[in-house]
């Protein structure tokens, strides 16, 4: 059976997928996981999970059309560009109105 191994490098950090081990049962998965991902002290915690217990989600339905929920964050460069353009426009408009009076 294939087991997926997740490890935490330092306390407080999230666990990340480290790899997989092939073991006949939970006991050997524990032993193999510790040997491959924990014996040199590179992990502070391990989660070893049978692969068939992992729920894969590959389709996301956005019923409310909430496109502002972006995994990569908001488009900062676009927002900065828009803000600069507005600042230049406001400055130009201020200079024109000051020159007219």
Protein backbone atom coordinates (compact mmCIF):
# COMPACT_ATOMS: atom_id res chain seq x y z
CA UNK A 1 0.00 0.00 0.00
CA UNK A 2 1.22 3.51 -0.77
CA UNK A 3 1.37 6.04 2.08
CA UNK A 4 1.80 9.79 1.62
CA UNK A 5 4.20 11.49 4.02
CA UNK A 6 3.83 15.10 5.14
CA UNK A 7 6.54 16.72 7.21
CA UNK A 8 7.02 19.85 9.27
CA UNK A 9 10.54 21.26 9.10
CA UNK A 10 10.25 23.59 12.12
CA UNK A 11 7.61 24.08 14.80
CA UNK A 12 4.95 26.55 13.71
CA UNK A 13 5.42 25.90 9.99
CA UNK A 14 2.79 24.13 7.91
CA UNK A 15 3.23 20.49 7.03
CA UNK A 16 4.25 19.93 3.42
CA UNK A 17 4.15 16.85 1.25
CA UNK A 18 7.54 15.15 1.53
CA UNK A 19 6.98 12.06 -0.58
CA UNK A 20 5.57 8.55 -0.50
CA UNK A 21 6.49 5.21 1.02
CA UNK A 22 5.37 1.75 -0.04
CA UNK A 23 4.65 -0.38 3.03
CA UNK A 24 2.60 -3.51 3.78
CA UNK A 25 0.83 -1.91 6.80
CA UNK A 26 0.64 1.13 9.08
CA UNK A 27 3.46 -0.07 11.33
CA UNK A 28 5.94 -0.40 8.47
CA UNK A 29 4.74 2.89 6.97
CA UNK A 30 5.63 4.51 10.30
CA UNK A 31 9.07 2.89 10.33
CA UNK A 32 9.82 3.69 6.67
CA UNK A 33 8.51 7.27 7.00
CA UNK A 34 10.65 7.94 10.08
CA UNK A 35 13.69 6.43 8.37
CA UNK A 36 13.33 8.39 5.14
CA UNK A 37 12.05 11.72 6.43
CA UNK A 38 12.98 12.00 10.10
CA UNK A 39 16.18 10.20 11.02
CA UNK A 40 18.52 13.11 10.23
CA UNK A 41 16.47 15.55 12.29
CA UNK A 42 15.14 17.42 9.26
CA UNK A 43 11.53 17.07 10.49
CA UNK A 44 9.86 18.06 13.74
CA UNK A 45 6.59 16.28 12.87
CA UNK A 46 5.39 13.70 10.34
CA UNK A 47 1.94 12.76 9.13
CA UNK A 48 1.78 9.42 7.34
CA UNK A 49 -1.52 8.79 5.57
CA UNK A 50 -2.69 5.93 3.36
CA UNK A 51 -3.00 7.35 -0.15
CA UNK A 52 -6.57 6.05 -0.48
CA UNK A 53 -7.53 8.17 2.57
CA UNK A 54 -6.52 11.40 0.83
CA UNK A 55 -9.44 13.22 -0.76
CA UNK A 56 -8.48 14.76 -4.08
CA UNK A 57 -10.36 17.90 -5.10
CA UNK A 58 -9.76 19.06 -8.63
CA UNK A 59 -13.00 20.83 -9.51
CA UNK A 60 -14.13 24.03 -7.85
CA UNK A 61 -17.60 25.42 -8.50
CA UNK A 62 -17.99 29.12 -7.86
CA UNK A 63 -21.76 29.37 -7.52
CA UNK A 64 -21.63 32.96 -6.27
CA UNK A 65 -19.12 34.13 -8.92
CA UNK A 66 -16.70 35.36 -6.25
CA UNK A 67 -13.78 36.09 -8.55
CA UNK A 68 -12.12 38.33 -5.93
CA UNK A 69 -11.02 35.19 -4.05
CA UNK A 70 -7.69 34.71 -5.75
CA UNK A 71 -5.11 32.23 -4.55
CA UNK A 72 -2.28 34.32 -5.98
CA UNK A 73 -3.51 37.52 -4.31
CA UNK A 74 -4.85 40.65 -5.85
CA UNK A 75 -3.24 41.99 -9.04
CA UNK A 76 -1.02 44.50 -7.24
CA UNK A 77 0.77 45.78 -10.35
CA UNK A 78 -2.54 46.61 -12.03
CA UNK A 79 -3.83 48.37 -8.91
CA UNK A 80 -0.61 50.41 -8.58
CA UNK A 81 -0.77 51.39 -12.25
CA UNK A 82 -4.40 52.51 -11.87
CA UNK A 83 -3.54 54.50 -8.73
CA UNK A 84 -0.62 56.24 -10.47
CA UNK A 85 -2.83 57.12 -13.45
CA UNK A 86 -5.47 58.59 -11.13
CA UNK A 87 -2.79 60.57 -9.26
CA UNK A 88 -1.41 61.99 -12.52
CA UNK A 89 -4.94 62.85 -13.70
CA UNK A 90 -5.76 64.54 -10.40
CA UNK A 91 -2.48 66.47 -10.47
CA UNK A 92 -3.10 67.56 -14.07
CA UNK A 93 -6.64 68.64 -13.25
CA UNK A 94 -5.37 70.58 -10.22
CA UNK A 95 -2.70 72.33 -12.29
CA UNK A 96 -5.24 73.30 -14.95
CA UNK A 97 -7.69 74.73 -12.46
CA UNK A 98 -4.89 76.63 -10.66
CA UNK A 99 -3.72 78.12 -13.96
CA UNK A 100 -7.22 79.27 -14.93
CA UNK A 101 -7.79 81.37 -11.84
